[in-house]
């Protein structure tokens, strides 16, 4: 259990850094500038990837069972990551994820929108069942 969850936690952090860089919101994004908005998405993305994992492992430690919801980040989250990677491979990550659009009067890039969407999807994972 220690080795499996330890490797999973390392993979969660690496995958998050790869995805934030892929969608052009990571620290190593297009302009190499330290934009506070992009850095905040990267930091929140790391928290969103690791906090549900931490609480699931903590729950398993105290209860002896790993109980995942019907929709969880391990199974369905993998499909989202795969879909984003296919989009980047087909359209090109810089051209696709730096495209700007407006929602409710706020202008954002597609990469920022995807970043916030992934961060928001982690919130239900930490709510007790």
N, C-alpha and C. Protein backbone atom coordinates (compact mmCIF):
# COMPACT_ATOMS: atom_id res chain seq x y z
N UNK A 1 0.82 -1.19 0.00
CA UNK A 1 0.00 0.00 0.00
C UNK A 1 0.87 1.26 0.00
N UNK A 2 1.94 1.25 0.75
CA UNK A 2 2.82 2.42 0.83
C UNK A 2 3.45 2.72 -0.53
N UNK A 3 3.99 1.70 -1.19
CA UNK A 3 4.64 1.91 -2.49
C UNK A 3 3.62 2.31 -3.55
N UNK A 4 2.47 1.64 -3.58
CA UNK A 4 1.45 1.94 -4.59
C UNK A 4 0.95 3.37 -4.45
N UNK A 5 0.55 3.77 -3.26
CA UNK A 5 0.04 5.13 -3.06
C UNK A 5 1.15 6.17 -3.18
N UNK A 6 2.34 5.82 -2.81
CA UNK A 6 3.47 6.74 -2.99
C UNK A 6 3.74 7.03 -4.45
N UNK A 7 3.73 5.99 -5.28
CA UNK A 7 3.93 6.19 -6.72
C UNK A 7 2.75 6.92 -7.35
N UNK A 8 1.54 6.64 -6.87
CA UNK A 8 0.36 7.34 -7.38
C UNK A 8 0.44 8.84 -7.07
N UNK A 9 0.92 9.18 -5.88
CA UNK A 9 1.00 10.60 -5.52
C UNK A 9 2.04 11.32 -6.37
N UNK A 10 3.14 10.67 -6.65
CA UNK A 10 4.16 11.28 -7.52
C UNK A 10 3.60 11.45 -8.93
N UNK A 11 2.89 10.44 -9.43
CA UNK A 11 2.30 10.51 -10.76
C UNK A 11 1.26 11.62 -10.84
N UNK A 12 0.47 11.82 -9.79
CA UNK A 12 -0.55 12.88 -9.78
C UNK A 12 0.10 14.25 -9.93
N UNK A 13 1.19 14.49 -9.25
CA UNK A 13 1.87 15.78 -9.34
C UNK A 13 2.50 15.96 -10.73
N UNK A 14 3.16 14.95 -11.25
CA UNK A 14 3.78 15.06 -12.56
C UNK A 14 2.73 15.26 -13.65
N UNK A 15 1.63 14.51 -13.59
CA UNK A 15 0.56 14.67 -14.58
C UNK A 15 -0.04 16.07 -14.54
N UNK A 16 -0.20 16.62 -13.35
CA UNK A 16 -0.74 17.97 -13.23
C UNK A 16 0.20 18.99 -13.85
N UNK A 17 1.49 18.86 -13.61
CA UNK A 17 2.45 19.78 -14.21
C UNK A 17 2.46 19.64 -15.73
N UNK A 18 2.34 18.42 -16.22
CA UNK A 18 2.30 18.21 -17.67
C UNK A 18 1.05 18.83 -18.29
N UNK A 19 -0.10 18.63 -17.67
CA UNK A 19 -1.35 19.17 -18.21
C UNK A 19 -1.35 20.70 -18.16
N UNK A 20 -0.90 21.31 -17.06
CA UNK A 20 -0.88 22.78 -16.99
C UNK A 20 0.07 23.37 -18.01
N UNK A 21 1.16 22.69 -18.30
CA UNK A 21 2.08 23.15 -19.34
C UNK A 21 1.46 22.93 -20.72
N UNK A 22 0.78 21.80 -20.91
CA UNK A 22 0.16 21.50 -22.19
C UNK A 22 -0.91 22.52 -22.56
N UNK A 23 -1.75 22.90 -21.61
CA UNK A 23 -2.81 23.86 -21.90
C UNK A 23 -2.34 25.30 -21.74
N UNK A 24 -1.05 25.51 -21.66
CA UNK A 24 -0.42 26.83 -21.64
C UNK A 24 -0.79 27.65 -20.42
N UNK A 25 -0.96 27.02 -19.27
CA UNK A 25 -1.21 27.75 -18.03
C UNK A 25 -0.13 27.50 -16.99
N UNK A 26 0.82 26.66 -17.30
CA UNK A 26 1.87 26.35 -16.34
C UNK A 26 2.93 27.44 -16.29
N UNK A 27 3.84 27.32 -15.38
CA UNK A 27 4.91 28.31 -15.24
C UNK A 27 5.80 28.32 -16.49
N UNK A 28 5.92 27.19 -17.14
CA UNK A 28 6.75 27.11 -18.35
C UNK A 28 5.92 27.29 -19.61
N UNK A 29 4.90 28.15 -19.55
CA UNK A 29 4.01 28.33 -20.70
C UNK A 29 4.66 29.20 -21.76
N UNK A 30 3.88 29.58 -22.74
CA UNK A 30 4.32 30.22 -23.97
C UNK A 30 5.31 31.36 -23.77
N UNK A 31 5.01 32.31 -22.90
CA UNK A 31 5.84 33.50 -22.81
C UNK A 31 6.96 33.40 -21.78
N UNK A 32 7.01 32.33 -21.04
CA UNK A 32 8.01 32.13 -19.98
C UNK A 32 7.97 33.25 -18.94
N UNK A 33 6.85 33.96 -18.87
CA UNK A 33 6.72 35.02 -17.87
C UNK A 33 6.00 34.43 -16.65
N UNK A 34 6.22 35.05 -15.54
CA UNK A 34 5.60 34.57 -14.31
C UNK A 34 4.33 35.35 -14.07
N UNK A 35 3.33 35.10 -14.89
CA UNK A 35 2.02 35.73 -14.78
C UNK A 35 1.32 35.14 -13.57
N UNK A 36 0.87 36.00 -12.67
CA UNK A 36 0.28 35.51 -11.41
C UNK A 36 -0.97 34.69 -11.66
N UNK A 37 -1.75 35.03 -12.70
CA UNK A 37 -2.96 34.26 -13.00
C UNK A 37 -2.62 32.84 -13.42
N UNK A 38 -1.64 32.69 -14.30
CA UNK A 38 -1.24 31.36 -14.74
C UNK A 38 -0.58 30.58 -13.61
N UNK A 39 0.22 31.24 -12.81
CA UNK A 39 0.85 30.54 -11.70
C UNK A 39 -0.19 30.09 -10.68
N UNK A 40 -1.23 30.88 -10.49
CA UNK A 40 -2.28 30.50 -9.55
C UNK A 40 -3.03 29.27 -10.06
N UNK A 41 -3.28 29.20 -11.37
CA UNK A 41 -3.92 28.02 -11.94
C UNK A 41 -3.03 26.80 -11.73
N UNK A 42 -1.73 26.96 -11.91
CA UNK A 42 -0.80 25.84 -11.72
C UNK A 42 -0.80 25.38 -10.26
N UNK A 43 -0.76 26.31 -9.34
CA UNK A 43 -0.74 25.95 -7.91
C UNK A 43 -2.07 25.32 -7.50
N UNK A 44 -3.19 25.92 -7.93
CA UNK A 44 -4.50 25.35 -7.62
C UNK A 44 -4.67 23.98 -8.28
N UNK A 45 -4.10 23.82 -9.47
CA UNK A 45 -4.16 22.51 -10.14
C UNK A 45 -3.42 21.44 -9.36
N UNK A 46 -2.27 21.81 -8.81
CA UNK A 46 -1.54 20.84 -7.98
C UNK A 46 -2.34 20.48 -6.73
N UNK A 47 -2.97 21.48 -6.11
CA UNK A 47 -3.81 21.19 -4.94
C UNK A 47 -5.01 20.33 -5.33
N UNK A 48 -5.62 20.64 -6.48
CA UNK A 48 -6.80 19.88 -6.91
C UNK A 48 -6.45 18.44 -7.22
N UNK A 49 -5.25 18.19 -7.67
CA UNK A 49 -4.85 16.81 -7.98
C UNK A 49 -4.44 16.04 -6.74
N UNK A 50 -3.86 16.72 -5.77
CA UNK A 50 -3.32 16.00 -4.62
C UNK A 50 -4.28 15.91 -3.44
N UNK A 51 -5.14 16.90 -3.23
CA UNK A 51 -6.01 16.88 -2.06
C UNK A 51 -7.02 15.73 -2.09
N UNK A 52 -7.74 15.48 -3.20
CA UNK A 52 -8.64 14.31 -3.19
C UNK A 52 -7.89 13.00 -2.97
N UNK A 53 -6.68 12.92 -3.53
CA UNK A 53 -5.87 11.74 -3.34
C UNK A 53 -5.50 11.58 -1.86
N UNK A 54 -5.10 12.68 -1.22
CA UNK A 54 -4.72 12.65 0.19
C UNK A 54 -5.89 12.19 1.06
N UNK A 55 -7.08 12.75 0.82
CA UNK A 55 -8.23 12.38 1.65
C UNK A 55 -8.68 10.95 1.41
N UNK A 56 -8.56 10.48 0.17
CA UNK A 56 -8.92 9.08 -0.11
C UNK A 56 -7.98 8.12 0.62
N UNK A 57 -6.69 8.42 0.61
CA UNK A 57 -5.72 7.57 1.29
C UNK A 57 -5.91 7.66 2.80
N UNK A 58 -6.20 8.86 3.30
CA UNK A 58 -6.45 9.02 4.74
C UNK A 58 -7.69 8.23 5.17
N UNK A 59 -8.72 8.27 4.35
CA UNK A 59 -9.93 7.51 4.65
C UNK A 59 -9.64 6.00 4.64
N UNK A 60 -8.84 5.57 3.68
CA UNK A 60 -8.49 4.15 3.61
C UNK A 60 -7.66 3.73 4.83
N UNK A 61 -6.80 4.61 5.27
CA UNK A 61 -5.96 4.29 6.44
C UNK A 61 -6.83 4.06 7.68
N UNK A 62 -7.83 4.92 7.89
CA UNK A 62 -8.64 4.82 9.11
C UNK A 62 -9.78 3.82 9.00
N UNK A 63 -10.33 3.61 7.79
CA UNK A 63 -11.47 2.70 7.67
C UNK A 63 -11.07 1.33 7.13
N UNK A 64 -9.92 1.24 6.48
CA UNK A 64 -9.49 -0.01 5.89
C UNK A 64 -10.08 -0.27 4.52
N UNK A 65 -10.86 0.68 3.97
CA UNK A 65 -11.46 0.52 2.66
C UNK A 65 -11.21 1.75 1.81
N UNK A 66 -10.96 1.53 0.53
CA UNK A 66 -10.85 2.62 -0.43
C UNK A 66 -12.16 2.68 -1.19
N UNK A 67 -13.00 3.63 -0.83
CA UNK A 67 -14.32 3.75 -1.43
C UNK A 67 -14.32 4.96 -2.35
N UNK A 68 -14.50 4.71 -3.64
CA UNK A 68 -14.56 5.78 -4.62
C UNK A 68 -16.01 5.97 -5.06
N UNK A 69 -16.36 7.21 -5.40
CA UNK A 69 -17.70 7.49 -5.89
C UNK A 69 -17.92 6.91 -7.28
N UNK A 70 -19.15 7.01 -7.75
CA UNK A 70 -19.45 6.50 -9.09
C UNK A 70 -18.71 7.29 -10.15
N UNK A 71 -18.56 8.58 -9.92
CA UNK A 71 -17.73 9.43 -10.79
C UNK A 71 -16.55 9.86 -9.95
N UNK A 72 -15.34 9.49 -10.37
CA UNK A 72 -14.16 9.84 -9.59
C UNK A 72 -13.03 10.26 -10.53
N UNK A 73 -12.06 10.94 -9.96
CA UNK A 73 -10.96 11.46 -10.74
C UNK A 73 -10.02 10.41 -11.29
N UNK A 74 -10.02 9.25 -10.71
CA UNK A 74 -9.11 8.21 -11.18
C UNK A 74 -9.57 7.64 -12.51
N UNK A 75 -10.85 7.32 -12.60
CA UNK A 75 -11.36 6.71 -13.83
C UNK A 75 -11.76 7.77 -14.86
N UNK A 76 -12.72 8.61 -14.51
CA UNK A 76 -13.21 9.61 -15.46
C UNK A 76 -12.19 10.71 -15.73
N UNK A 77 -11.38 11.03 -14.73
CA UNK A 77 -10.35 12.04 -14.92
C UNK A 77 -9.33 11.64 -15.97
N UNK A 78 -9.06 10.36 -16.07
CA UNK A 78 -8.12 9.87 -17.08
C UNK A 78 -8.66 10.13 -18.48
N UNK A 79 -9.96 9.98 -18.67
CA UNK A 79 -10.55 10.24 -19.99
C UNK A 79 -10.43 11.72 -20.35
N UNK A 80 -10.60 12.60 -19.37
CA UNK A 80 -10.45 14.03 -19.62
C UNK A 80 -9.03 14.35 -20.04
N UNK A 81 -8.04 13.81 -19.32
CA UNK A 81 -6.64 14.04 -19.67
C UNK A 81 -6.32 13.52 -21.07
N UNK A 82 -6.81 12.35 -21.38
CA UNK A 82 -6.55 11.76 -22.70
C UNK A 82 -7.18 12.62 -23.79
N UNK A 83 -8.41 13.09 -23.56
CA UNK A 83 -9.10 13.93 -24.54
C UNK A 83 -8.34 15.24 -24.78
N UNK A 84 -7.87 15.88 -23.70
CA UNK A 84 -7.10 17.12 -23.83
C UNK A 84 -5.80 16.87 -24.60
N UNK A 85 -5.15 15.75 -24.34
CA UNK A 85 -3.91 15.42 -25.06
C UNK A 85 -4.17 15.17 -26.54
N UNK A 86 -5.28 14.49 -26.87
CA UNK A 86 -5.62 14.29 -28.28
C UNK A 86 -5.93 15.61 -28.98
N UNK A 87 -6.64 16.51 -28.30
CA UNK A 87 -6.92 17.83 -28.87
C UNK A 87 -5.62 18.58 -29.16
N UNK A 88 -4.70 18.54 -28.20
CA UNK A 88 -3.42 19.23 -28.38
C UNK A 88 -2.62 18.61 -29.51
N UNK A 89 -2.67 17.31 -29.63
CA UNK A 89 -1.94 16.65 -30.71
C UNK A 89 -2.51 16.95 -32.08
N UNK A 90 -3.83 17.09 -32.16
CA UNK A 90 -4.47 17.31 -33.45
C UNK A 90 -4.40 18.78 -33.89
N UNK A 91 -4.71 19.71 -32.96
CA UNK A 91 -4.77 21.12 -33.31
C UNK A 91 -3.48 21.88 -32.99
N UNK A 92 -2.64 21.35 -32.14
CA UNK A 92 -1.45 22.08 -31.68
C UNK A 92 -1.79 22.80 -30.39
N UNK A 93 -0.99 22.60 -29.37
CA UNK A 93 -1.37 23.13 -28.05
C UNK A 93 -1.31 24.65 -27.97
N UNK A 94 -0.34 25.29 -28.61
CA UNK A 94 -0.24 26.74 -28.51
C UNK A 94 -1.41 27.40 -29.23
N UNK A 95 -1.69 26.95 -30.45
CA UNK A 95 -2.77 27.55 -31.22
C UNK A 95 -4.14 27.34 -30.55
N UNK A 96 -4.38 26.16 -30.02
CA UNK A 96 -5.68 25.83 -29.46
C UNK A 96 -5.89 26.46 -28.09
N UNK A 97 -4.96 26.27 -27.19
CA UNK A 97 -5.19 26.65 -25.80
C UNK A 97 -4.90 28.11 -25.49
N UNK A 98 -4.31 28.87 -26.42
CA UNK A 98 -4.15 30.31 -26.21
C UNK A 98 -5.24 31.10 -26.92
N UNK A 99 -6.19 30.40 -27.56
CA UNK A 99 -7.31 31.05 -28.21
C UNK A 99 -8.18 31.73 -27.16
N UNK A 100 -8.51 33.01 -27.39
CA UNK A 100 -9.29 33.77 -26.41
C UNK A 100 -10.76 33.75 -26.78
N UNK A 101 -11.60 33.72 -25.74
CA UNK A 101 -13.04 33.82 -25.91
C UNK A 101 -13.63 34.51 -24.68
N UNK A 102 -14.87 34.90 -24.79
CA UNK A 102 -15.51 35.64 -23.72
C UNK A 102 -16.67 34.84 -23.13
N UNK A 103 -16.71 34.78 -21.80
CA UNK A 103 -17.81 34.14 -21.07
C UNK A 103 -18.30 35.12 -20.01
N UNK A 104 -19.58 35.45 -20.07
CA UNK A 104 -20.21 36.34 -19.10
C UNK A 104 -19.44 37.65 -18.92
N UNK A 105 -18.92 38.17 -20.00
CA UNK A 105 -18.20 39.44 -19.96
C UNK A 105 -16.74 39.34 -19.57
N UNK A 106 -16.24 38.16 -19.29
CA UNK A 106 -14.83 37.97 -18.93
C UNK A 106 -14.11 37.28 -20.07
N UNK A 107 -12.97 37.80 -20.43
CA UNK A 107 -12.17 37.20 -21.50
C UNK A 107 -11.15 36.26 -20.88
N UNK A 108 -11.05 35.07 -21.44
CA UNK A 108 -10.11 34.06 -20.95
C UNK A 108 -9.61 33.24 -22.12
N UNK A 109 -8.52 32.54 -21.89
CA UNK A 109 -8.04 31.60 -22.91
C UNK A 109 -8.69 30.24 -22.65
N UNK A 110 -8.69 29.42 -23.67
CA UNK A 110 -9.25 28.08 -23.51
C UNK A 110 -8.46 27.28 -22.48
N UNK A 111 -7.15 27.50 -22.43
CA UNK A 111 -6.31 26.82 -21.43
C UNK A 111 -6.70 27.19 -20.01
N UNK A 112 -6.98 28.48 -19.76
CA UNK A 112 -7.42 28.90 -18.43
C UNK A 112 -8.77 28.29 -18.09
N UNK A 113 -9.68 28.26 -19.07
CA UNK A 113 -10.99 27.67 -18.85
C UNK A 113 -10.87 26.19 -18.48
N UNK A 114 -10.05 25.45 -19.20
CA UNK A 114 -9.85 24.02 -18.91
C UNK A 114 -9.20 23.85 -17.54
N UNK A 115 -8.24 24.72 -17.23
CA UNK A 115 -7.59 24.64 -15.91
C UNK A 115 -8.58 24.83 -14.78
N UNK A 116 -9.43 25.86 -14.88
CA UNK A 116 -10.43 26.09 -13.84
C UNK A 116 -11.47 24.98 -13.80
N UNK A 117 -11.81 24.43 -14.95
CA UNK A 117 -12.76 23.31 -15.00
C UNK A 117 -12.21 22.09 -14.26
N UNK A 118 -10.94 21.77 -14.49
CA UNK A 118 -10.32 20.62 -13.82
C UNK A 118 -10.19 20.87 -12.32
N UNK A 119 -9.86 22.11 -11.94
CA UNK A 119 -9.76 22.44 -10.52
C UNK A 119 -11.12 22.31 -9.85
N UNK A 120 -12.16 22.83 -10.51
CA UNK A 120 -13.51 22.76 -9.96
C UNK A 120 -14.03 21.34 -9.85
N UNK A 121 -13.57 20.48 -10.74
CA UNK A 121 -14.05 19.09 -10.69
C UNK A 121 -13.48 18.32 -9.50
N UNK A 122 -12.44 18.84 -8.88
CA UNK A 122 -11.85 18.16 -7.72
C UNK A 122 -12.62 18.46 -6.44
N UNK A 123 -13.39 19.52 -6.42
CA UNK A 123 -14.10 19.89 -5.20
C UNK A 123 -15.06 18.81 -4.72
N UNK A 124 -15.90 18.22 -5.61
CA UNK A 124 -16.80 17.17 -5.11
C UNK A 124 -16.07 15.93 -4.60
N UNK A 125 -14.83 15.75 -4.99
CA UNK A 125 -14.09 14.57 -4.57
C UNK A 125 -13.73 14.59 -3.09
N UNK A 126 -13.63 15.79 -2.49
CA UNK A 126 -13.23 15.88 -1.08
C UNK A 126 -14.41 16.07 -0.15
N UNK A 127 -15.61 16.20 -0.70
CA UNK A 127 -16.80 16.33 0.14
C UNK A 127 -17.13 14.94 0.71
N UNK A 128 -17.32 14.85 2.01
CA UNK A 128 -17.62 13.53 2.60
C UNK A 128 -18.90 12.95 2.05
N UNK A 129 -18.90 11.62 1.93
CA UNK A 129 -20.06 10.91 1.37
C UNK A 129 -21.10 10.67 2.44
